[in-house]
C-alpha atoms as a PDB file:
ATOM      1  CA  UNK A   1      68.218 117.352  89.826  1.00  0.00           C
ATOM      2  CA  UNK A   2      70.181 115.691  87.000  1.00  0.00           C
ATOM      3  CA  UNK A   3      72.465 113.836  89.442  1.00  0.00           C
ATOM      4  CA  UNK A   4      69.474 112.715  91.519  1.00  0.00           C
ATOM      5  CA  UNK A   5      67.805 111.222  88.440  1.00  0.00           C
ATOM      6  CA  UNK A   6      71.018 109.544  87.263  1.00  0.00           C
ATOM      7  CA  UNK A   7      71.535 107.996  90.713  1.00  0.00           C
ATOM      8  CA  UNK A   8      68.133 106.282  90.399  1.00  0.00           C
ATOM      9  CA  UNK A   9      69.049 104.457  87.181  1.00  0.00           C
ATOM     10  CA  UNK A  10      70.959 101.485  88.734  1.00  0.00           C
ATOM     11  CA  UNK A  11      68.179 100.821  91.260  1.00  0.00           C
ATOM     12  CA  UNK A  12      65.480 101.154  88.612  1.00  0.00           C
ATOM     13  CA  UNK A  13      67.300  98.723  86.298  1.00  0.00           C
ATOM     14  CA  UNK A  14      67.692  96.237  89.144  1.00  0.00           C
ATOM     15  CA  UNK A  15      63.975  96.341  89.952  1.00  0.00           C
ATOM     16  CA  UNK A  16      63.080  96.045  86.272  1.00  0.00           C
ATOM     17  CA  UNK A  17      65.246  92.976  85.660  1.00  0.00           C
ATOM     18  CA  UNK A  18      64.043  91.267  88.838  1.00  0.00           C
ATOM     19  CA  UNK A  19      60.376  91.775  87.967  1.00  0.00           C
ATOM     20  CA  UNK A  20      60.928  90.890  84.319  1.00  0.00           C
ATOM     21  CA  UNK A  21      62.914  87.802  85.246  1.00  0.00           C
ATOM     22  CA  UNK A  22      60.365  86.527  87.758  1.00  0.00           C
ATOM     23  CA  UNK A  23      57.482  87.097  85.360  1.00  0.00           C
ATOM     24  CA  UNK A  24      59.309  85.377  82.501  1.00  0.00           C
ATOM     25  CA  UNK A  25      60.328  82.440  84.692  1.00  0.00           C
ATOM     26  CA  UNK A  26      56.787  81.819  85.984  1.00  0.00           C
ATOM     27  CA  UNK A  27      55.216  82.230  82.553  1.00  0.00           C
ATOM     28  CA  UNK A  28      57.594  79.642  81.090  1.00  0.00           C
ATOM     29  CA  UNK A  29      56.572  77.063  83.659  1.00  0.00           C
ATOM     30  CA  UNK A  30      52.907  77.284  82.690  1.00  0.00           C
ATOM     31  CA  UNK A  31      53.140  78.044  78.974  1.00  0.00           C
ATOM     32  CA  UNK A  32      55.998  75.913  77.604  1.00  0.00           C
ATOM     33  CA  UNK A  33      56.718  72.199  77.488  1.00  0.00           C
ATOM     34  CA  UNK A  34      60.457  72.729  78.076  1.00  0.00           C
ATOM     35  CA  UNK A  35      61.088  75.749  80.385  1.00  0.00           C
ATOM     36  CA  UNK A  36      64.381  77.160  79.157  1.00  0.00           C
ATOM     37  CA  UNK A  37      64.781  79.228  82.331  1.00  0.00           C
ATOM     38  CA  UNK A  38      64.841  76.136  84.533  1.00  0.00           C
ATOM     39  CA  UNK A  39      67.320  74.474  82.177  1.00  0.00           C
ATOM     40  CA  UNK A  40      69.661  77.466  82.215  1.00  0.00           C
ATOM     41  CA  UNK A  41      69.411  77.708  86.000  1.00  0.00           C
ATOM     42  CA  UNK A  42      70.343  74.061  86.360  1.00  0.00           C
ATOM     43  CA  UNK A  43      73.190  74.490  83.875  1.00  0.00           C
ATOM     44  CA  UNK A  44      74.535  77.480  85.816  1.00  0.00           C
ATOM     45  CA  UNK A  45      74.472  75.535  89.077  1.00  0.00           C
ATOM     46  CA  UNK A  46      76.295  72.629  87.409  1.00  0.00           C
ATOM     47  CA  UNK A  47      78.990  74.916  85.940  1.00  0.00           C
ATOM     48  CA  UNK A  48      79.551  76.639  89.282  1.00  0.00           C
ATOM     49  CA  UNK A  49      79.952  73.257  90.961  1.00  0.00           C
ATOM     50  CA  UNK A  50      82.349  71.945  88.298  1.00  0.00           C
ATOM     51  CA  UNK A  51      84.602  75.006  88.177  1.00  0.00           C
ATOM     52  CA  UNK A  52      84.619  75.863  91.880  1.00  0.00           C
ATOM     53  CA  UNK A  53      87.816  75.514  93.921  1.00  0.00           C
ATOM     54  CA  UNK A  54      87.211  73.660  97.222  1.00  0.00           C
ATOM     55  CA  UNK A  55      88.046  75.671 100.314  1.00  0.00           C
ATOM     56  CA  UNK A  56      90.933  74.601 102.564  1.00  0.00           C
ATOM     57  CA  UNK A  57      90.065  72.634 105.702  1.00  0.00           C
ATOM     58  CA  UNK A  58      89.234  74.361 108.966  1.00  0.00           C
ATOM     59  CA  UNK A  59      92.479  73.019 110.396  1.00  0.00           C
ATOM     60  CA  UNK A  60      94.494  74.700 107.615  1.00  0.00           C
ATOM     61  CA  UNK A  61      92.774  78.026 108.216  1.00  0.00           C
ATOM     62  CA  UNK A  62      93.085  77.878 112.001  1.00  0.00           C
ATOM     63  CA  UNK A  63      96.803  77.123 111.663  1.00  0.00           C
ATOM     64  CA  UNK A  64      97.115  80.654 110.256  1.00  0.00           C
ATOM     65  CA  UNK A  65      94.426  82.788 111.918  1.00  0.00           C
ATOM     66  CA  UNK A  66      93.693  80.671 114.980  1.00  0.00           C
ATOM     67  CA  UNK A  67      90.357  79.934 116.600  1.00  0.00           C
ATOM     68  CA  UNK A  68      87.378  82.206 115.930  1.00  0.00           C
ATOM     69  CA  UNK A  69      86.896  84.775 118.708  1.00  0.00           C
ATOM     70  CA  UNK A  70      83.135  84.230 118.422  1.00  0.00           C
ATOM     71  CA  UNK A  71      83.525  80.685 119.782  1.00  0.00           C
ATOM     72  CA  UNK A  72      85.306  82.120 122.873  1.00  0.00           C
ATOM     73  CA  UNK A  73      87.976  79.399 122.894  1.00  0.00           C
ATOM     74  CA  UNK A  74      89.597  78.756 126.255  1.00  0.00           C
ATOM     75  CA  UNK A  75      92.890  77.599 124.769  1.00  0.00           C
ATOM     76  CA  UNK A  76      94.806  77.544 121.486  1.00  0.00           C
ATOM     77  CA  UNK A  77      96.033  80.298 119.194  1.00  0.00           C
ATOM     78  CA  UNK A  78      93.730  83.323 118.873  1.00  0.00           C
ATOM     79  CA  UNK A  79      94.344  86.175 116.420  1.00  0.00           C
ATOM     80  CA  UNK A  80      93.013  89.546 117.561  1.00  0.00           C
ATOM     81  CA  UNK A  81      95.113  92.176 115.791  1.00  0.00           C
ATOM     82  CA  UNK A  82      96.709  92.430 112.338  1.00  0.00           C
ATOM     83  CA  UNK A  83      99.123  95.306 111.658  1.00  0.00           C
ATOM     84  CA  UNK A  84      97.769  96.953 108.497  1.00  0.00           C
ATOM     85  CA  UNK A  85     100.758  97.756 106.234  1.00  0.00           C
ATOM     86  CA  UNK A  86     102.892  97.104 109.303  1.00  0.00           C
ATOM     87  CA  UNK A  87     100.985  99.689 111.400  1.00  0.00           C
ATOM     88  CA  UNK A  88     101.744 102.584 109.077  1.00  0.00           C
ATOM     89  CA  UNK A  89     100.900 105.290 111.619  1.00  0.00           C
ATOM     90  CA  UNK A  90     103.668 104.046 113.913  1.00  0.00           C
ATOM     91  CA  UNK A  91     106.368 103.708 111.221  1.00  0.00           C
ATOM     92  CA  UNK A  92     106.613 104.182 107.436  1.00  0.00           C
ATOM     93  CA  UNK A  93     104.139 101.700 106.011  1.00  0.00           C
ATOM     94  CA  UNK A  94     105.128  98.508 104.191  1.00  0.00           C
ATOM     95  CA  UNK A  95     108.771  98.695 105.281  1.00  0.00           C
ATOM     96  CA  UNK A  96     110.973  96.141 107.039  1.00  0.00           C
ATOM     97  CA  UNK A  97     111.468  98.634 109.869  1.00  0.00           C
ATOM     98  CA  UNK A  98     107.711  98.852 110.411  1.00  0.00           C
ATOM     99  CA  UNK A  99     107.371  95.068 110.466  1.00  0.00           C
ATOM    100  CA  UNK A 100     110.180  94.777 113.018  1.00  0.00           C
ATOM    101  CA  UNK A 101     108.580  97.441 115.212  1.00  0.00           C
ATOM    102  CA  UNK A 102     105.383  95.368 115.148  1.00  0.00           C
ATOM    103  CA  UNK A 103     107.339  92.335 116.323  1.00  0.00           C
ATOM    104  CA  UNK A 104     108.899  94.361 119.137  1.00  0.00           C
ATOM    105  CA  UNK A 105     105.438  95.651 120.064  1.00  0.00           C
ATOM    106  CA  UNK A 106     104.035  92.132 120.314  1.00  0.00           C
ATOM    107  CA  UNK A 107     102.177  91.928 116.979  1.00  0.00           C
ATOM    108  CA  UNK A 108     102.977  88.753 115.051  1.00  0.00           C
ATOM    109  CA  UNK A 109     100.587  89.207 112.116  1.00  0.00           C
ATOM    110  CA  UNK A 110     101.330  91.657 109.301  1.00  0.00           C
ATOM    111  CA  UNK A 111      99.320  92.789 106.276  1.00  0.00           C
ATOM    112  CA  UNK A 112     101.362  94.167 103.393  1.00  0.00           C
ATOM    113  CA  UNK A 113     100.772  95.128  99.748  1.00  0.00           C
ATOM    114  CA  UNK A 114     102.474  93.816  96.620  1.00  0.00           C
ATOM    115  CA  UNK A 115     102.879  95.658  93.305  1.00  0.00           C
ATOM    116  CA  UNK A 116     104.989  95.099  90.201  1.00  0.00           C
ATOM    117  CA  UNK A 117     107.659  97.499  88.950  1.00  0.00           C
ATOM    118  CA  UNK A 118     108.254  98.212  85.267  1.00  0.00           C
ATOM    119  CA  UNK A 119     110.904  95.481  85.138  1.00  0.00           C
ATOM    120  CA  UNK A 120     108.517  92.975  86.808  1.00  0.00           C
ATOM    121  CA  UNK A 121     110.089  93.076  90.264  1.00  0.00           C
ATOM    122  CA  UNK A 122     107.449  92.382  92.953  1.00  0.00           C
ATOM    123  CA  UNK A 123     107.820  95.051  95.631  1.00  0.00           C
ATOM    124  CA  UNK A 124     105.986  95.797  98.838  1.00  0.00           C
ATOM    125  CA  UNK A 125     104.187  99.083  98.228  1.00  0.00           C
ATOM    126  CA  UNK A 126     100.560 100.195  98.333  1.00  0.00           C
ATOM    127  CA  UNK A 127      99.957 103.200  96.072  1.00  0.00           C
ATOM    128  CA  UNK A 128     100.342 103.389  92.312  1.00  0.00           C
ATOM    129  CA  UNK A 129     102.675 106.396  92.738  1.00  0.00           C
ATOM    130  CA  UNK A 130     105.153 107.676  95.350  1.00  0.00           C
ATOM    131  CA  UNK A 131     103.324 110.988  95.714  1.00  0.00           C
ATOM    132  CA  UNK A 132     101.643 110.397  99.086  1.00  0.00           C
ATOM    133  CA  UNK A 133     104.789 109.194 100.829  1.00  0.00           C
ATOM    134  CA  UNK A 134     107.648 111.173  99.275  1.00  0.00           C
ATOM    135  CA  UNK A 135     106.090 113.850  97.003  1.00  0.00           C
ATOM    136  CA  UNK A 136     107.340 112.139  93.843  1.00  0.00           C
ATOM    137  CA  UNK A 137     105.327 111.609  90.672  1.00  0.00           C
ATOM    138  CA  UNK A 138     107.063 108.314  89.885  1.00  0.00           C
ATOM    139  CA  UNK A 139     104.612 105.548  88.977  1.00  0.00           C
ATOM    140  CA  UNK A 140     105.564 102.152  90.393  1.00  0.00           C
ATOM    141  CA  UNK A 141     104.484 100.203  87.322  1.00  0.00           C
ATOM    142  CA  UNK A 142     106.446 102.548  85.026  1.00  0.00           C
ATOM    143  CA  UNK A 143     109.665 102.642  87.068  1.00  0.00           C
ATOM    144  CA  UNK A 144     112.476 100.110  87.311  1.00  0.00           C
ATOM    145  CA  UNK A 145     113.517  98.616  90.638  1.00  0.00           C
ATOM    146  CA  UNK A 146     117.015 100.104  90.425  1.00  0.00           C
ATOM    147  CA  UNK A 147     115.494 103.576  90.696  1.00  0.00           C
ATOM    148  CA  UNK A 148     112.922 102.760  93.375  1.00  0.00           C
ATOM    149  CA  UNK A 149     115.192 100.875  95.761  1.00  0.00           C
ATOM    150  CA  UNK A 150     117.150 103.963  96.878  1.00  0.00           C
ATOM    151  CA  UNK A 151     114.160 106.226  97.655  1.00  0.00           C
ATOM    152  CA  UNK A 152     113.780 107.028 101.358  1.00  0.00           C
ATOM    153  CA  UNK A 153     110.154 106.476 102.415  1.00  0.00           C
ATOM    154  CA  UNK A 154     110.552 108.091 105.834  1.00  0.00           C
ATOM    155  CA  UNK A 155     110.847 111.709 104.666  1.00  0.00           C
ATOM    156  CA  UNK A 156     107.233 112.672 105.477  1.00  0.00           C
ATOM    157  CA  UNK A 157     106.598 110.342 108.428  1.00  0.00           C
ATOM    158  CA  UNK A 158     106.153 112.098 111.809  1.00  0.00           C
ATOM    159  CA  UNK A 159     108.532 109.657 113.526  1.00  0.00           C
ATOM    160  CA  UNK A 160     111.301 109.932 110.949  1.00  0.00           C
ATOM    161  CA  UNK A 161     113.934 111.159 113.422  1.00  0.00           C
ATOM    162  CA  UNK A 162     113.310 108.172 115.663  1.00  0.00           C
ATOM    163  CA  UNK A 163     113.138 105.555 112.891  1.00  0.00           C
ATOM    164  CA  UNK A 164     115.718 106.733 110.372  1.00  0.00           C
ATOM    165  CA  UNK A 165     115.765 106.069 106.637  1.00  0.00           C
ATOM    166  CA  UNK A 166     113.484 103.325 105.277  1.00  0.00           C
ATOM    167  CA  UNK A 167     113.208 101.895 101.775  1.00  0.00           C
ATOM    168  CA  UNK A 168     110.850  99.873  99.577  1.00  0.00           C
ATOM    169  CA  UNK A 169     111.531  96.170 100.157  1.00  0.00           C
ATOM    170  CA  UNK A 170     111.144  93.433  97.579  1.00  0.00           C
ATOM    171  CA  UNK A 171     108.618  90.667  98.128  1.00  0.00           C
ATOM    172  CA  UNK A 172     111.388  88.126  98.755  1.00  0.00           C
ATOM    173  CA  UNK A 173     113.062  90.380 101.320  1.00  0.00           C
ATOM    174  CA  UNK A 174     109.773  90.850 103.133  1.00  0.00           C
ATOM    175  CA  UNK A 175     108.860  87.161 103.216  1.00  0.00           C
ATOM    176  CA  UNK A 176     112.332  86.201 104.431  1.00  0.00           C
ATOM    177  CA  UNK A 177     112.264  88.852 107.169  1.00  0.00           C
ATOM    178  CA  UNK A 178     108.780  87.941 108.427  1.00  0.00           C
ATOM    179  CA  UNK A 179     109.436  84.202 108.445  1.00  0.00           C
ATOM    180  CA  UNK A 180     112.740  84.694 110.272  1.00  0.00           C
ATOM    181  CA  UNK A 181     110.979  86.750 112.948  1.00  0.00           C
ATOM    182  CA  UNK A 182     108.139  84.241 113.314  1.00  0.00           C
ATOM    183  CA  UNK A 183     105.449  86.559 111.949  1.00  0.00           C
ATOM    184  CA  UNK A 184     102.438  85.513 109.876  1.00  0.00           C
ATOM    185  CA  UNK A 185     100.998  87.591 107.071  1.00  0.00           C
ATOM    186  CA  UNK A 186      98.312  88.750 104.651  1.00  0.00           C
ATOM    187  CA  UNK A 187      99.846  89.148 101.176  1.00  0.00           C
ATOM    188  CA  UNK A 188      97.642  91.760  99.467  1.00  0.00           C
ATOM    189  CA  UNK A 189      97.839  91.859  95.653  1.00  0.00           C
ATOM    190  CA  UNK A 190      97.049  95.465  94.751  1.00  0.00           C
ATOM    191  CA  UNK A 191      96.612  95.350  90.971  1.00  0.00           C
ATOM    192  CA  UNK A 192      94.463  93.298  88.646  1.00  0.00           C
ATOM    193  CA  UNK A 193      97.579  91.986  86.942  1.00  0.00           C
ATOM    194  CA  UNK A 194      97.700  88.281  86.081  1.00  0.00           C
ATOM    195  CA  UNK A 195     101.514  88.446  86.070  1.00  0.00           C
ATOM    196  CA  UNK A 196     101.240  88.257  89.844  1.00  0.00           C
ATOM    197  CA  UNK A 197      99.709  84.765  89.699  1.00  0.00           C
ATOM    198  CA  UNK A 198     102.883  82.809  88.782  1.00  0.00           C
ATOM    199  CA  UNK A 199     104.895  84.983  91.180  1.00  0.00           C
ATOM    200  CA  UNK A 200     102.652  84.015  94.106  1.00  0.00           C
ATOM    201  CA  UNK A 201     102.625  80.355  93.096  1.00  0.00           C
ATOM    202  CA  UNK A 202     106.429  80.282  92.883  1.00  0.00           C
ATOM    203  CA  UNK A 203     106.631  82.049  96.241  1.00  0.00           C
ATOM    204  CA  UNK A 204     104.845  79.151  97.946  1.00  0.00           C
ATOM    205  CA  UNK A 205     107.178  76.695  96.224  1.00  0.00           C
ATOM    206  CA  UNK A 206     110.208  78.659  97.417  1.00  0.00           C
ATOM    207  CA  UNK A 207     108.827  79.113 100.956  1.00  0.00           C
ATOM    208  CA  UNK A 208     106.548  76.121 101.705  1.00  0.00           C
ATOM    209  CA  UNK A 209     106.047  77.284 105.308  1.00  0.00           C
ATOM    210  CA  UNK A 210     103.761  79.976 103.858  1.00  0.00           C
ATOM    211  CA  UNK A 211     100.992  77.367 103.588  1.00  0.00           C
ATOM    212  CA  UNK A 212     100.600  77.615 107.355  1.00  0.00           C
ATOM    213  CA  UNK A 213     101.709  81.240 107.817  1.00  0.00           C
ATOM    214  CA  UNK A 214     100.208  83.302 104.986  1.00  0.00           C
ATOM    215  CA  UNK A 215      96.886  84.268 103.451  1.00  0.00           C
ATOM    216  CA  UNK A 216      96.802  85.709  99.930  1.00  0.00           C
ATOM    217  CA  UNK A 217      94.212  88.430  99.460  1.00  0.00           C
ATOM    218  CA  UNK A 218      93.041  90.890  96.801  1.00  0.00           C
ATOM    219  CA  UNK A 219      90.095  93.027  95.729  1.00  0.00           C
ATOM    220  CA  UNK A 220      90.002  91.107  92.447  1.00  0.00           C
ATOM    221  CA  UNK A 221      88.185  87.730  92.432  1.00  0.00           C
ATOM    222  CA  UNK A 222      89.792  86.646  89.149  1.00  0.00           C
ATOM    223  CA  UNK A 223      93.300  86.882  90.655  1.00  0.00           C
ATOM    224  CA  UNK A 224      92.324  84.779  93.668  1.00  0.00           C
ATOM    225  CA  UNK A 225      90.576  82.226  91.440  1.00  0.00           C
ATOM    226  CA  UNK A 226      93.613  81.811  89.172  1.00  0.00           C
ATOM    227  CA  UNK A 227      95.882  81.300  92.179  1.00  0.00           C
ATOM    228  CA  UNK A 228      93.664  78.793  93.956  1.00  0.00           C
ATOM    229  CA  UNK A 229      92.809  76.980  90.728  1.00  0.00           C
ATOM    230  CA  UNK A 230      96.511  76.190  90.325  1.00  0.00           C
ATOM    231  CA  UNK A 231      97.160  75.530  94.024  1.00  0.00           C
ATOM    232  CA  UNK A 232      94.047  74.890  96.182  1.00  0.00           C
ATOM    233  CA  UNK A 233      96.220  74.489  99.281  1.00  0.00           C
ATOM    234  CA  UNK A 234      96.823  78.243  99.391  1.00  0.00           C
ATOM    235  CA  UNK A 235      94.475  79.919 101.891  1.00  0.00           C
ATOM    236  CA  UNK A 236      92.930  83.050 100.363  1.00  0.00           C
ATOM    237  CA  UNK A 237      90.640  85.912 101.237  1.00  0.00           C
ATOM    238  CA  UNK A 238      88.882  88.677  99.337  1.00  0.00           C
ATOM    239  CA  UNK A 239      88.750  92.316 100.417  1.00  0.00           C
ATOM    240  CA  UNK A 240      85.434  94.113 100.030  1.00  0.00           C
ATOM    241  CA  UNK A 241      84.110  97.642 100.306  1.00  0.00           C
ATOM    242  CA  UNK A 242      81.151  99.394  98.641  1.00  0.00           C
ATOM    243  CA  UNK A 243      81.837 100.936  95.203  1.00  0.00           C
ATOM    244  CA  UNK A 244      85.195  99.217  94.986  1.00  0.00           C
ATOM    245  CA  UNK A 245      85.295  99.430  91.195  1.00  0.00           C
ATOM    246  CA  UNK A 246      83.486 102.711  90.478  1.00  0.00           C
ATOM    247  CA  UNK A 247      84.920 105.010  93.172  1.00  0.00           C
ATOM    248  CA  UNK A 248      88.359 105.723  94.618  1.00  0.00           C
ATOM    249  CA  UNK A 249      87.321 105.095  98.217  1.00  0.00           C
ATOM    250  CA  UNK A 250      84.380 104.692 100.561  1.00  0.00           C
ATOM    251  CA  UNK A 251      84.347 106.448 103.917  1.00  0.00           C
ATOM    252  CA  UNK A 252      81.643 107.000 106.502  1.00  0.00           C
ATOM    253  CA  UNK A 253      80.050 109.527 106.814  1.00  0.00           C
ATOM    254  CA  UNK A 254      81.400 111.032 103.581  1.00  0.00           C
ATOM    255  CA  UNK A 255      80.232 108.128 101.426  1.00  0.00           C
ATOM    256  CA  UNK A 256      81.739 107.429  98.018  1.00  0.00           C
ATOM    257  CA  UNK A 257      84.967 109.059  96.941  1.00  0.00           C
ATOM    258  CA  UNK A 258      85.787 110.470  93.477  1.00  0.00           C
ATOM    259  CA  UNK A 259      84.787 108.463  90.418  1.00  0.00           C
ATOM    260  CA  UNK A 260      87.544 106.338  88.893  1.00  0.00           C
ATOM    261  CA  UNK A 261      86.346 107.359  85.423  1.00  0.00           C
ATOM    262  CA  UNK A 262      84.870 110.681  84.328  1.00  0.00           C
ATOM    263  CA  UNK A 263      83.542 109.113  81.128  1.00  0.00           C
ATOM    264  CA  UNK A 264      79.836 108.590  81.760  1.00  0.00           C
ATOM    265  CA  UNK A 265      79.382 105.213  80.071  1.00  0.00           C
ATOM    266  CA  UNK A 266      82.510 103.792  81.720  1.00  0.00           C
ATOM    267  CA  UNK A 267      81.359 104.998  85.120  1.00  0.00           C
ATOM    268  CA  UNK A 268      77.988 103.299  84.731  1.00  0.00           C
ATOM    269  CA  UNK A 269      79.650 100.104  83.557  1.00  0.00           C
ATOM    270  CA  UNK A 270      81.716 100.184  86.748  1.00  0.00           C
ATOM    271  CA  UNK A 271      78.573 100.867  88.790  1.00  0.00           C
ATOM    272  CA  UNK A 272      76.958  97.812  87.215  1.00  0.00           C
ATOM    273  CA  UNK A 273      80.080  95.782  87.993  1.00  0.00           C
ATOM    274  CA  UNK A 274      79.888  96.907  91.637  1.00  0.00           C
ATOM    275  CA  UNK A 275      76.230  95.937  91.749  1.00  0.00           C
ATOM    276  CA  UNK A 276      76.905  92.476  90.336  1.00  0.00           C
ATOM    277  CA  UNK A 277      79.933  91.955  92.577  1.00  0.00           C
ATOM    278  CA  UNK A 278      78.068  92.942  95.754  1.00  0.00           C
ATOM    279  CA  UNK A 279      75.222  90.591  94.857  1.00  0.00           C
ATOM    280  CA  UNK A 280      77.373  87.652  93.768  1.00  0.00           C
ATOM    281  CA  UNK A 281      80.058  87.766  96.470  1.00  0.00           C
ATOM    282  CA  UNK A 282      77.975  86.273  99.333  1.00  0.00           C
ATOM    283  CA  UNK A 283      75.992  83.997  96.990  1.00  0.00           C
ATOM    284  CA  UNK A 284      78.321  82.600  94.316  1.00  0.00           C
ATOM    285  CA  UNK A 285      81.787  84.162  94.319  1.00  0.00           C
ATOM    286  CA  UNK A 286      82.883  82.990  97.767  1.00  0.00           C
ATOM    287  CA  UNK A 287      81.913  79.420  96.846  1.00  0.00           C
ATOM    288  CA  UNK A 288      83.649  79.531  93.462  1.00  0.00           C
ATOM    289  CA  UNK A 289      86.869  80.835  95.010  1.00  0.00           C
ATOM    290  CA  UNK A 290      86.823  78.622  98.086  1.00  0.00           C
ATOM    291  CA  UNK A 291      87.342  81.651 100.331  1.00  0.00           C
ATOM    292  CA  UNK A 292      88.417  81.138 103.924  1.00  0.00           C
ATOM    293  CA  UNK A 293      88.398  84.799 105.014  1.00  0.00           C
ATOM    294  CA  UNK A 294      86.554  87.947 103.964  1.00  0.00           C
ATOM    295  CA  UNK A 295      88.135  91.336 104.739  1.00  0.00           C
ATOM    296  CA  UNK A 296      85.269  93.769 105.313  1.00  0.00           C
ATOM    297  CA  UNK A 297      85.587  97.561 105.335  1.00  0.00           C
ATOM    298  CA  UNK A 298      84.606  98.829 108.790  1.00  0.00           C
ATOM    299  CA  UNK A 299      82.247 101.472 107.393  1.00  0.00           C
ATOM    300  CA  UNK A 300      79.993  98.896 105.728  1.00  0.00           C
ATOM    301  CA  UNK A 301      80.061  96.435 108.625  1.00  0.00           C
ATOM    302  CA  UNK A 302      76.828  95.093 110.085  1.00  0.00           C
ATOM    303  CA  UNK A 303      75.975  92.384 112.576  1.00  0.00           C
ATOM    304  CA  UNK A 304      73.821  90.675 109.953  1.00  0.00           C
ATOM    305  CA  UNK A 305      76.702  90.534 107.453  1.00  0.00           C
ATOM    306  CA  UNK A 306      79.033  89.092 110.092  1.00  0.00           C
ATOM    307  CA  UNK A 307      76.484  86.404 110.978  1.00  0.00           C
ATOM    308  CA  UNK A 308      75.868  85.513 107.318  1.00  0.00           C
ATOM    309  CA  UNK A 309      79.582  85.065 106.614  1.00  0.00           C
ATOM    310  CA  UNK A 310      80.112  82.949 109.715  1.00  0.00           C
ATOM    311  CA  UNK A 311      77.195  80.739 108.696  1.00  0.00           C
ATOM    312  CA  UNK A 312      78.938  80.183 105.342  1.00  0.00           C
ATOM    313  CA  UNK A 313      82.119  79.062 107.096  1.00  0.00           C
ATOM    314  CA  UNK A 314      84.014  82.199 106.040  1.00  0.00           C
ATOM    315  CA  UNK A 315      85.932  84.122 108.711  1.00  0.00           C
ATOM    316  CA  UNK A 316      85.107  87.880 108.662  1.00  0.00           C
ATOM    317  CA  UNK A 317      87.961  90.251 109.536  1.00  0.00           C
ATOM    318  CA  UNK A 318      87.514  94.041 109.672  1.00  0.00           C
ATOM    319  CA  UNK A 319      89.710  96.808 108.201  1.00  0.00           C
ATOM    320  CA  UNK A 320      90.951  99.407 109.086  1.00  0.00           C
ATOM    321  CA  UNK A 321      90.086  99.948 112.773  1.00  0.00           C
ATOM    322  CA  UNK A 322      92.172 102.659 114.460  1.00  0.00           C
ATOM    323  CA  UNK A 323      90.305 104.328 117.321  1.00  0.00           C
ATOM    324  CA  UNK A 324      90.027 102.736 120.782  1.00  0.00           C
ATOM    325  CA  UNK A 325      86.214 102.873 120.712  1.00  0.00           C
ATOM    326  CA  UNK A 326      86.019 101.090 117.359  1.00  0.00           C
ATOM    327  CA  UNK A 327      88.532  98.483 118.471  1.00  0.00           C
ATOM    328  CA  UNK A 328      86.584  97.733 121.640  1.00  0.00           C
ATOM    329  CA  UNK A 329      83.314  97.362 119.718  1.00  0.00           C
ATOM    330  CA  UNK A 330      84.805  95.107 117.055  1.00  0.00           C
ATOM    331  CA  UNK A 331      86.714  92.817 119.397  1.00  0.00           C
ATOM    332  CA  UNK A 332      84.372  92.706 122.401  1.00  0.00           C
ATOM    333  CA  UNK A 333      80.902  92.958 120.868  1.00  0.00           C
ATOM    334  CA  UNK A 334      81.301  91.483 117.366  1.00  0.00           C
ATOM    335  CA  UNK A 335      84.133  89.127 118.443  1.00  0.00           C
ATOM    336  CA  UNK A 336      86.150  89.880 115.302  1.00  0.00           C
ATOM    337  CA  UNK A 337      89.803  90.204 114.411  1.00  0.00           C
ATOM    338  CA  UNK A 338      90.705  93.599 112.968  1.00  0.00           C
ATOM    339  CA  UNK A 339      93.406  95.273 110.885  1.00  0.00           C
ATOM    340  CA  UNK A 340      94.820  98.467 112.380  1.00  0.00           C
ATOM    341  CA  UNK A 341      97.281 101.212 111.418  1.00  0.00           C
ATOM    342  CA  UNK A 342      98.481 101.696 114.997  1.00  0.00           C
ATOM    343  CA  UNK A 343      99.357  99.360 117.844  1.00  0.00           C
ATOM    344  CA  UNK A 344      99.062 102.118 120.445  1.00  0.00           C
ATOM    345  CA  UNK A 345      96.904 100.922 123.346  1.00  0.00           C
ATOM    346  CA  UNK A 346      96.491  97.352 122.090  1.00  0.00           C
ATOM    347  CA  UNK A 347      97.106  95.815 125.514  1.00  0.00           C
ATOM    348  CA  UNK A 348      94.413  98.050 126.995  1.00  0.00           C
ATOM    349  CA  UNK A 349      91.908  97.011 124.317  1.00  0.00           C
ATOM    350  CA  UNK A 350      92.366  93.282 124.797  1.00  0.00           C
ATOM    351  CA  UNK A 351      93.223  92.953 128.472  1.00  0.00           C
ATOM    352  CA  UNK A 352      90.933  95.377 130.307  1.00  0.00           C
END
């Protein structure tokens, strides 16, 4: 009973503020000479317009992700499949070996994750610790690169005997390898760490071909804004799933995963942040950031959401789609590109 009542609080607060706001706004119009609500609304619109970052041109975006499947183009580059973490079910995720296997398997678009080590080395790794992949309690952000670089990531992978030893690559090693093999990429910034901003900006200076071969993405709007504010030519996306701030994961039909914080007031602050983020993303945030792509979690996907994003000029891409049935629905019915952990059966999905 207690949990049921607590779960009603965010919805009740939302309804209260909407009703209170509407009533206050209307009453100001008829009872005051200078409606402060209208003034503040106009000021907010002006500030959003002034501080927004213009989105890249359609031509810039299509140079990376190709024509939209929804338009059913008869010619030109079309992106259908992105290897999520280098198709981590087929080879140890986020490794150079996985990326090369994708190339051999015909996949020329890779998504990989970037984190910072204790000595500020940008490495390609997803989790905050090594526990899931090698049963180690080492924390990436608390460990120096010299220690991490010799850890074999293949020890728990089912195809270890076929693949051999694999290791954490640096960001520079990964970019160099992918560009040399002609592969394009999503560069996913995993942490809300502003130290990543100058690293990404310098990366595009060092490898200018990334402007037409890479999309920078993150769950954190502030990171994307800081990057695009400095360099609007960089094409960016934002990843979204329900309860991204308050809960560890979201999975249908299980729903929300464990709370990120067990402290009650912190949890409800994160719930409020999720509520504001979900409301603002399709109304204000995408415009402020100049987003070109939105990465949508497959378990919160709807036809209405896809249509709304397309109408805003933002390309929706779905993650992570692994089963043949899901792949067929996403690519044939919704006409969307998807991220997947396995390339098994890709030719059947797209060619039958």
